[in-house]
Amino acid sequence: MARTIDQQIAEAQAKLNRLKTRQKASETRRKIIVGAIVTTEALKDPKIARWMAATLRRNATREVDQKEIEGLLAELDAKAQSAGAGEA
């Protein structure tokens, strides 16, 4: 039995929605991977720590986001300051 045009449209929309979901999941995984790598390196390198802390403070404007990264910012600040202590 042949599918109606409405059925074909519904199937195409369902496929498009599945593809959009896969794309969003892929983008989220990429962000997690990059974020983990940059954070790890920032906690090792004072220069990267300073940059990352400044970038986060400048771009995390929502209060809920700021609260979520408080601990990380403290770690980054400590790492950034450790370079100054080592140079003195």
PDB file of N, CA and C in Angstrom:
ATOM      1  N   MET A   1       0.839  -1.179   0.000  1.00  0.00           N
ATOM      2  CA  MET A   1       0.000   0.000   0.000  1.00  0.00           C
ATOM      3  C   MET A   1       0.884   1.241   0.000  1.00  0.00           C
ATOM      4  N   ALA A   2       0.599   2.168  -0.847  1.00  0.00           N
ATOM      5  CA  ALA A   2       1.404   3.383  -0.986  1.00  0.00           C
ATOM      6  C   ALA A   2       1.144   4.324   0.182  1.00  0.00           C
ATOM      7  N   ARG A   3       2.216   4.993   0.597  1.00  0.00           N
ATOM      8  CA  ARG A   3       2.078   5.963   1.689  1.00  0.00           C
ATOM      9  C   ARG A   3       1.516   7.269   1.138  1.00  0.00           C
ATOM     10  N   THR A   4       0.736   7.915   1.964  1.00  0.00           N
ATOM     11  CA  THR A   4       0.181   9.200   1.539  1.00  0.00           C
ATOM     12  C   THR A   4       1.263  10.274   1.666  1.00  0.00           C
ATOM     13  N   ILE A   5       1.017  11.403   1.056  1.00  0.00           N
ATOM     14  CA  ILE A   5       1.964  12.523   1.147  1.00  0.00           C
ATOM     15  C   ILE A   5       2.127  12.944   2.605  1.00  0.00           C
ATOM     16  N   ASP A   6       1.021  12.960   3.347  1.00  0.00           N
ATOM     17  CA  ASP A   6       1.098  13.335   4.759  1.00  0.00           C
ATOM     18  C   ASP A   6       1.977  12.363   5.546  1.00  0.00           C
ATOM     19  N   GLN A   7       1.886  11.076   5.229  1.00  0.00           N
ATOM     20  CA  GLN A   7       2.722  10.080   5.903  1.00  0.00           C
ATOM     21  C   GLN A   7       4.195  10.288   5.546  1.00  0.00           C
ATOM     22  N   GLN A   8       4.441  10.568   4.275  1.00  0.00           N
ATOM     23  CA  GLN A   8       5.822  10.805   3.835  1.00  0.00           C
ATOM     24  C   GLN A   8       6.407  12.039   4.519  1.00  0.00           C
ATOM     25  N   ILE A   9       5.592  13.086   4.645  1.00  0.00           N
ATOM     26  CA  ILE A   9       6.043  14.302   5.323  1.00  0.00           C
ATOM     27  C   ILE A   9       6.338  14.001   6.796  1.00  0.00           C
ATOM     28  N   ALA A  10       5.453  13.271   7.443  1.00  0.00           N
ATOM     29  CA  ALA A  10       5.644  12.928   8.854  1.00  0.00           C
ATOM     30  C   ALA A  10       6.928  12.117   9.051  1.00  0.00           C
ATOM     31  N   GLU A  11       7.174  11.180   8.148  1.00  0.00           N
ATOM     32  CA  GLU A  11       8.396  10.368   8.240  1.00  0.00           C
ATOM     33  C   GLU A  11       9.644  11.234   8.031  1.00  0.00           C
ATOM     34  N   ALA A  12       9.571  12.142   7.083  1.00  0.00           N
ATOM     35  CA  ALA A  12      10.712  13.035   6.823  1.00  0.00           C
ATOM     36  C   ALA A  12      10.958  13.945   8.018  1.00  0.00           C
ATOM     37  N   GLN A  13       9.902  14.455   8.624  1.00  0.00           N
ATOM     38  CA  GLN A  13      10.058  15.303   9.806  1.00  0.00           C
ATOM     39  C   GLN A  13      10.637  14.517  10.974  1.00  0.00           C
ATOM     40  N   ALA A  14      10.201  13.287  11.134  1.00  0.00           N
ATOM     41  CA  ALA A  14      10.725  12.447  12.209  1.00  0.00           C
ATOM     42  C   ALA A  14      12.213  12.178  11.994  1.00  0.00           C
ATOM     43  N   LYS A  15      12.596  11.911  10.752  1.00  0.00           N
ATOM     44  CA  LYS A  15      14.009  11.686  10.444  1.00  0.00           C
ATOM     45  C   LYS A  15      14.828  12.950  10.706  1.00  0.00           C
ATOM     46  N   LEU A  16      14.306  14.105  10.304  1.00  0.00           N
ATOM     47  CA  LEU A  16      14.991  15.372  10.544  1.00  0.00           C
ATOM     48  C   LEU A  16      15.164  15.608  12.043  1.00  0.00           C
ATOM     49  N   ASN A  17      14.144  15.330  12.827  1.00  0.00           N
ATOM     50  CA  ASN A  17      14.237  15.497  14.285  1.00  0.00           C
ATOM     51  C   ASN A  17      15.292  14.570  14.888  1.00  0.00           C
ATOM     52  N   ARG A  18      15.368  13.328  14.382  1.00  0.00           N
ATOM     53  CA  ARG A  18      16.397  12.401  14.869  1.00  0.00           C
ATOM     54  C   ARG A  18      17.795  12.914  14.531  1.00  0.00           C
ATOM     55  N   LEU A  19      17.965  13.436  13.330  1.00  0.00           N
ATOM     56  CA  LEU A  19      19.261  13.973  12.914  1.00  0.00           C
ATOM     57  C   LEU A  19      19.644  15.199  13.745  1.00  0.00           C
ATOM     58  N   LYS A  20      18.680  16.065  14.027  1.00  0.00           N
ATOM     59  CA  LYS A  20      18.952  17.242  14.860  1.00  0.00           C
ATOM     60  C   LYS A  20      19.362  16.827  16.271  1.00  0.00           C
ATOM     61  N   THR A  21      18.722  15.798  16.790  1.00  0.00           N
ATOM     62  CA  THR A  21      19.058  15.298  18.126  1.00  0.00           C
ATOM     63  C   THR A  21      20.486  14.748  18.142  1.00  0.00           C
ATOM     64  N   ARG A  22      20.846  13.990  17.106  1.00  0.00           N
ATOM     65  CA  ARG A  22      22.213  13.463  17.012  1.00  0.00           C
ATOM     66  C   ARG A  22      23.234  14.580  16.903  1.00  0.00           C
ATOM     67  N   GLN A  23      22.902  15.623  16.122  1.00  0.00           N
ATOM     68  CA  GLN A  23      23.816  16.751  15.952  1.00  0.00           C
ATOM     69  C   GLN A  23      24.026  17.470  17.282  1.00  0.00           C
ATOM     70  N   LYS A  24      22.961  17.692  18.018  1.00  0.00           N
ATOM     71  CA  LYS A  24      23.076  18.372  19.314  1.00  0.00           C
ATOM     72  C   LYS A  24      23.903  17.540  20.292  1.00  0.00           C
ATOM     73  N   ALA A  25      23.691  16.243  20.309  1.00  0.00           N
ATOM     74  CA  ALA A  25      24.460  15.366  21.188  1.00  0.00           C
ATOM     75  C   ALA A  25      25.942  15.412  20.822  1.00  0.00           C
ATOM     76  N   SER A  26      26.243  15.434  19.531  1.00  0.00           N
ATOM     77  CA  SER A  26      27.631  15.505  19.073  1.00  0.00           C
ATOM     78  C   SER A  26      28.275  16.819  19.501  1.00  0.00           C
ATOM     79  N   GLU A  27      27.552  17.923  19.354  1.00  0.00           N
ATOM     80  CA  GLU A  27      28.075  19.230  19.760  1.00  0.00           C
ATOM     81  C   GLU A  27      28.328  19.266  21.266  1.00  0.00           C
ATOM     82  N   THR A  28      27.426  18.684  22.032  1.00  0.00           N
ATOM     83  CA  THR A  28      27.584  18.644  23.489  1.00  0.00           C
ATOM     84  C   THR A  28      28.813  17.825  23.880  1.00  0.00           C
ATOM     85  N   ARG A  29      28.994  16.668  23.246  1.00  0.00           N
ATOM     86  CA  ARG A  29      30.179  15.831  23.532  1.00  0.00           C
ATOM     87  C   ARG A  29      31.454  16.594  23.209  1.00  0.00           C
ATOM     88  N   ARG A  30      31.470  17.314  22.080  1.00  0.00           N
ATOM     89  CA  ARG A  30      32.649  18.087  21.690  1.00  0.00           C
ATOM     90  C   ARG A  30      32.965  19.159  22.741  1.00  0.00           C
ATOM     91  N   LYS A  31      31.940  19.854  23.211  1.00  0.00           N
ATOM     92  CA  LYS A  31      32.140  20.885  24.229  1.00  0.00           C
ATOM     93  C   LYS A  31      32.698  20.285  25.521  1.00  0.00           C
ATOM     94  N   ILE A  32      32.196  19.134  25.907  1.00  0.00           N
ATOM     95  CA  ILE A  32      32.678  18.476  27.123  1.00  0.00           C
ATOM     96  C   ILE A  32      34.147  18.083  26.976  1.00  0.00           C
ATOM     97  N   ILE A  33      34.495  17.505  25.841  1.00  0.00           N
ATOM     98  CA  ILE A  33      35.879  17.085  25.603  1.00  0.00           C
ATOM     99  C   ILE A  33      36.822  18.281  25.615  1.00  0.00           C
ATOM    100  N   VAL A  34      36.477  19.323  24.870  1.00  0.00           N
ATOM    101  CA  VAL A  34      37.335  20.510  24.800  1.00  0.00           C
ATOM    102  C   VAL A  34      37.431  21.170  26.171  1.00  0.00           C
ATOM    103  N   GLY A  35      36.300  21.294  26.853  1.00  0.00           N
ATOM    104  CA  GLY A  35      36.302  21.900  28.186  1.00  0.00           C
ATOM    105  C   GLY A  35      37.175  21.133  29.168  1.00  0.00           C
ATOM    106  N   ALA A  36      37.110  19.824  29.122  1.00  0.00           N
ATOM    107  CA  ALA A  36      37.918  19.009  30.027  1.00  0.00           C
ATOM    108  C   ALA A  36      39.409  19.180  29.745  1.00  0.00           C
ATOM    109  N   ILE A  37      39.765  19.206  28.482  1.00  0.00           N
ATOM    110  CA  ILE A  37      41.178  19.345  28.116  1.00  0.00           C
ATOM    111  C   ILE A  37      41.705  20.721  28.516  1.00  0.00           C
ATOM    112  N   VAL A  38      40.951  21.768  28.192  1.00  0.00           N
ATOM    113  CA  VAL A  38      41.399  23.130  28.516  1.00  0.00           C
ATOM    114  C   VAL A  38      41.484  23.319  30.027  1.00  0.00           C
ATOM    115  N   THR A  39      40.505  22.812  30.755  1.00  0.00           N
ATOM    116  CA  THR A  39      40.522  22.929  32.214  1.00  0.00           C
ATOM    117  C   THR A  39      41.728  22.208  32.804  1.00  0.00           C
ATOM    118  N   THR A  40      42.009  21.019  32.338  1.00  0.00           N
ATOM    119  CA  THR A  40      43.162  20.261  32.832  1.00  0.00           C
ATOM    120  C   THR A  40      44.459  21.016  32.589  1.00  0.00           C
ATOM    121  N   GLU A  41      44.604  21.563  31.395  1.00  0.00           N
ATOM    122  CA  GLU A  41      45.826  22.314  31.077  1.00  0.00           C
ATOM    123  C   GLU A  41      45.907  23.609  31.881  1.00  0.00           C
ATOM    124  N   ALA A  42      44.774  24.273  32.087  1.00  0.00           N
ATOM    125  CA  ALA A  42      44.767  25.522  32.856  1.00  0.00           C
ATOM    126  C   ALA A  42      45.180  25.286  34.295  1.00  0.00           C
ATOM    127  N   LEU A  43      44.829  24.136  34.838  1.00  0.00           N
ATOM    128  CA  LEU A  43      45.199  23.845  36.220  1.00  0.00           C
ATOM    129  C   LEU A  43      46.668  23.450  36.350  1.00  0.00           C
ATOM    130  N   LYS A  44      47.352  23.297  35.227  1.00  0.00           N
ATOM    131  CA  LYS A  44      48.789  23.008  35.223  1.00  0.00           C
ATOM    132  C   LYS A  44      49.620  24.244  34.903  1.00  0.00           C
ATOM    133  N   ASP A  45      49.057  25.172  34.144  1.00  0.00           N
ATOM    134  CA  ASP A  45      49.822  26.284  33.593  1.00  0.00           C
ATOM    135  C   ASP A  45      49.229  27.620  34.053  1.00  0.00           C
ATOM    136  N   PRO A  46      49.991  28.414  34.824  1.00  0.00           N
ATOM    137  CA  PRO A  46      49.462  29.680  35.339  1.00  0.00           C
ATOM    138  C   PRO A  46      48.983  30.646  34.252  1.00  0.00           C
ATOM    139  N   LYS A  47      49.659  30.680  33.131  1.00  0.00           N
ATOM    140  CA  LYS A  47      49.256  31.590  32.049  1.00  0.00           C
ATOM    141  C   LYS A  47      47.884  31.199  31.499  1.00  0.00           C
ATOM    142  N   ILE A  48      47.687  29.919  31.273  1.00  0.00           N
ATOM    143  CA  ILE A  48      46.389  29.435  30.788  1.00  0.00           C
ATOM    144  C   ILE A  48      45.333  29.642  31.870  1.00  0.00           C
ATOM    145  N   ALA A  49      45.716  29.445  33.129  1.00  0.00           N
ATOM    146  CA  ALA A  49      44.777  29.631  34.243  1.00  0.00           C
ATOM    147  C   ALA A  49      44.275  31.072  34.286  1.00  0.00           C
ATOM    148  N   ARG A  50      45.186  32.025  34.127  1.00  0.00           N
ATOM    149  CA  ARG A  50      44.790  33.446  34.125  1.00  0.00           C
ATOM    150  C   ARG A  50      43.825  33.737  32.975  1.00  0.00           C
ATOM    151  N   TRP A  51      44.169  33.244  31.793  1.00  0.00           N
ATOM    152  CA  TRP A  51      43.323  33.464  30.628  1.00  0.00           C
ATOM    153  C   TRP A  51      41.941  32.845  30.835  1.00  0.00           C
ATOM    154  N   MET A  52      41.910  31.591  31.312  1.00  0.00           N
ATOM    155  CA  MET A  52      40.637  30.898  31.466  1.00  0.00           C
ATOM    156  C   MET A  52      39.774  31.579  32.526  1.00  0.00           C
ATOM    157  N   ALA A  53      40.361  31.974  33.649  1.00  0.00           N
ATOM    158  CA  ALA A  53      39.593  32.640  34.698  1.00  0.00           C
ATOM    159  C   ALA A  53      39.001  33.949  34.172  1.00  0.00           C
ATOM    160  N   ALA A  54      39.802  34.727  33.464  1.00  0.00           N
ATOM    161  CA  ALA A  54      39.312  35.997  32.917  1.00  0.00           C
ATOM    162  C   ALA A  54      38.203  35.757  31.894  1.00  0.00           C
ATOM    163  N   THR A  55      38.383  34.760  31.057  1.00  0.00           N
ATOM    164  CA  THR A  55      37.389  34.445  30.029  1.00  0.00           C
ATOM    165  C   THR A  55      36.077  33.990  30.662  1.00  0.00           C
ATOM    166  N   LEU A  56      36.177  33.145  31.678  1.00  0.00           N
ATOM    167  CA  LEU A  56      34.964  32.673  32.349  1.00  0.00           C
ATOM    168  C   LEU A  56      34.244  33.824  33.047  1.00  0.00           C
ATOM    169  N   ARG A  57      35.002  34.677  33.716  1.00  0.00           N
ATOM    170  CA  ARG A  57      34.373  35.813  34.408  1.00  0.00           C
ATOM    171  C   ARG A  57      33.683  36.753  33.414  1.00  0.00           C
ATOM    172  N   ARG A  58      34.277  36.921  32.262  1.00  0.00           N
ATOM    173  CA  ARG A  58      33.726  37.823  31.252  1.00  0.00           C
ATOM    174  C   ARG A  58      32.474  37.226  30.581  1.00  0.00           C
ATOM    175  N   ASN A  59      32.435  35.922  30.416  1.00  0.00           N
ATOM    176  CA  ASN A  59      31.375  35.307  29.620  1.00  0.00           C
ATOM    177  C   ASN A  59      30.297  34.571  30.398  1.00  0.00           C
ATOM    178  N   ALA A  60      30.579  34.165  31.613  1.00  0.00           N
ATOM    179  CA  ALA A  60      29.560  33.485  32.424  1.00  0.00           C
ATOM    180  C   ALA A  60      28.763  34.567  33.151  1.00  0.00           C
ATOM    181  N   THR A  61      27.722  35.060  32.509  1.00  0.00           N
ATOM    182  CA  THR A  61      26.991  36.209  33.036  1.00  0.00           C
ATOM    183  C   THR A  61      25.758  35.817  33.847  1.00  0.00           C
ATOM    184  N   ARG A  62      25.273  34.609  33.659  1.00  0.00           N
ATOM    185  CA  ARG A  62      24.107  34.185  34.440  1.00  0.00           C
ATOM    186  C   ARG A  62      24.546  33.797  35.845  1.00  0.00           C
ATOM    187  N   GLU A  63      23.754  34.205  36.826  1.00  0.00           N
ATOM    188  CA  GLU A  63      24.100  33.935  38.220  1.00  0.00           C
ATOM    189  C   GLU A  63      24.254  32.436  38.488  1.00  0.00           C
ATOM    190  N   VAL A  64      23.379  31.627  37.899  1.00  0.00           N
ATOM    191  CA  VAL A  64      23.444  30.182  38.111  1.00  0.00           C
ATOM    192  C   VAL A  64      24.763  29.621  37.562  1.00  0.00           C
ATOM    193  N   ASP A  65      25.229  30.150  36.436  1.00  0.00           N
ATOM    194  CA  ASP A  65      26.500  29.700  35.866  1.00  0.00           C
ATOM    195  C   ASP A  65      27.673  30.154  36.734  1.00  0.00           C
ATOM    196  N   GLN A  66      27.597  31.379  37.224  1.00  0.00           N
ATOM    197  CA  GLN A  66      28.668  31.897  38.081  1.00  0.00           C
ATOM    198  C   GLN A  66      28.813  31.059  39.345  1.00  0.00           C
ATOM    199  N   LYS A  67      27.690  30.677  39.938  1.00  0.00           N
ATOM    200  CA  LYS A  67      27.738  29.842  41.143  1.00  0.00           C
ATOM    201  C   LYS A  67      28.339  28.475  40.840  1.00  0.00           C
ATOM    202  N   GLU A  68      28.026  27.957  39.671  1.00  0.00           N
ATOM    203  CA  GLU A  68      28.516  26.624  39.293  1.00  0.00           C
ATOM    204  C   GLU A  68      30.035  26.597  39.134  1.00  0.00           C
ATOM    205  N   ILE A  69      30.626  27.711  38.705  1.00  0.00           N
ATOM    206  CA  ILE A  69      32.068  27.708  38.436  1.00  0.00           C
ATOM    207  C   ILE A  69      32.895  28.372  39.538  1.00  0.00           C
ATOM    208  N   GLU A  70      32.271  28.721  40.676  1.00  0.00           N
ATOM    209  CA  GLU A  70      33.008  29.362  41.775  1.00  0.00           C
ATOM    210  C   GLU A  70      34.249  28.575  42.180  1.00  0.00           C
ATOM    211  N   GLY A  71      34.078  27.289  42.393  1.00  0.00           N
ATOM    212  CA  GLY A  71      35.191  26.451  42.830  1.00  0.00           C
ATOM    213  C   GLY A  71      36.308  26.387  41.802  1.00  0.00           C
ATOM    214  N   LEU A  72      35.930  26.261  40.550  1.00  0.00           N
ATOM    215  CA  LEU A  72      36.922  26.223  39.479  1.00  0.00           C
ATOM    216  C   LEU A  72      37.678  27.544  39.406  1.00  0.00           C
ATOM    217  N   LEU A  73      36.964  28.661  39.528  1.00  0.00           N
ATOM    218  CA  LEU A  73      37.627  29.962  39.490  1.00  0.00           C
ATOM    219  C   LEU A  73      38.632  30.099  40.640  1.00  0.00           C
ATOM    220  N   ALA A  74      38.276  29.589  41.800  1.00  0.00           N
ATOM    221  CA  ALA A  74      39.205  29.637  42.936  1.00  0.00           C
ATOM    222  C   ALA A  74      40.464  28.824  42.631  1.00  0.00           C
ATOM    223  N   GLU A  75      40.296  27.658  42.034  1.00  0.00           N
ATOM    224  CA  GLU A  75      41.456  26.832  41.664  1.00  0.00           C
ATOM    225  C   GLU A  75      42.308  27.527  40.611  1.00  0.00           C
ATOM    226  N   LEU A  76      41.655  28.111  39.623  1.00  0.00           N
ATOM    227  CA  LEU A  76      42.389  28.814  38.566  1.00  0.00           C
ATOM    228  C   LEU A  76      43.147  30.018  39.129  1.00  0.00           C
ATOM    229  N   ASP A  77      42.492  30.770  40.016  1.00  0.00           N
ATOM    230  CA  ASP A  77      43.156  31.921  40.639  1.00  0.00           C
ATOM    231  C   ASP A  77      44.376  31.482  41.444  1.00  0.00           C
ATOM    232  N   ALA A  78      44.223  30.380  42.175  1.00  0.00           N
ATOM    233  CA  ALA A  78      45.358  29.875  42.970  1.00  0.00           C
ATOM    234  C   ALA A  78      46.514  29.475  42.048  1.00  0.00           C
ATOM    235  N   LYS A  79      46.203  28.830  40.938  1.00  0.00           N
ATOM    236  CA  LYS A  79      47.247  28.414  39.995  1.00  0.00           C
ATOM    237  C   LYS A  79      47.886  29.645  39.365  1.00  0.00           C
ATOM    238  N   ALA A  80      47.087  30.634  38.987  1.00  0.00           N
ATOM    239  CA  ALA A  80      47.608  31.850  38.372  1.00  0.00           C
ATOM    240  C   ALA A  80      48.528  32.593  39.341  1.00  0.00           C
ATOM    241  N   GLN A  81      48.175  32.615  40.603  1.00  0.00           N
ATOM    242  CA  GLN A  81      48.990  33.303  41.612  1.00  0.00           C
ATOM    243  C   GLN A  81      50.239  32.524  41.961  1.00  0.00           C
ATOM    244  N   SER A  82      50.220  31.224  41.738  1.00  0.00           N
ATOM    245  CA  SER A  82      51.406  30.416  42.060  1.00  0.00           C
ATOM    246  C   SER A  82      52.585  30.795  41.173  1.00  0.00           C
ATOM    247  N   ALA A  83      52.313  31.331  40.010  1.00  0.00           N
ATOM    248  CA  ALA A  83      53.388  31.769  39.117  1.00  0.00           C
ATOM    249  C   ALA A  83      54.056  32.999  39.709  1.00  0.00           C
ATOM    250  N   GLY A  84      53.249  33.911  40.238  1.00  0.00           N
ATOM    251  CA  GLY A  84      53.803  35.112  40.857  1.00  0.00           C
ATOM    252  C   GLY A  84      54.637  34.801  42.066  1.00  0.00           C
ATOM    253  N   ALA A  85      54.221  33.838  42.863  1.00  0.00           N
ATOM    254  CA  ALA A  85      54.957  33.451  44.068  1.00  0.00           C
ATOM    255  C   ALA A  85      56.285  32.791  43.685  1.00  0.00           C
ATOM    256  N   GLY A  86      56.264  32.027  42.595  1.00  0.00           N
ATOM    257  CA  GLY A  86      57.474  31.353  42.154  1.00  0.00           C
ATOM    258  C   GLY A  86      58.495  32.305  41.567  1.00  0.00           C
ATOM    259  N   GLU A  87      58.021  33.437  41.053  1.00  0.00           N
ATOM    260  CA  GLU A  87      58.929  34.397  40.429  1.00  0.00           C
ATOM    261  C   GLU A  87      59.563  35.340  41.430  1.00  0.00           C
ATOM    262  N   ALA A  88      58.960  35.472  42.598  1.00  0.00           N
ATOM    263  CA  ALA A  88      59.447  36.435  43.599  1.00  0.00           C
ATOM    264  C   ALA A  88      60.755  36.017  44.224  1.00  0.00           C
TER     265      ALA A  88
END
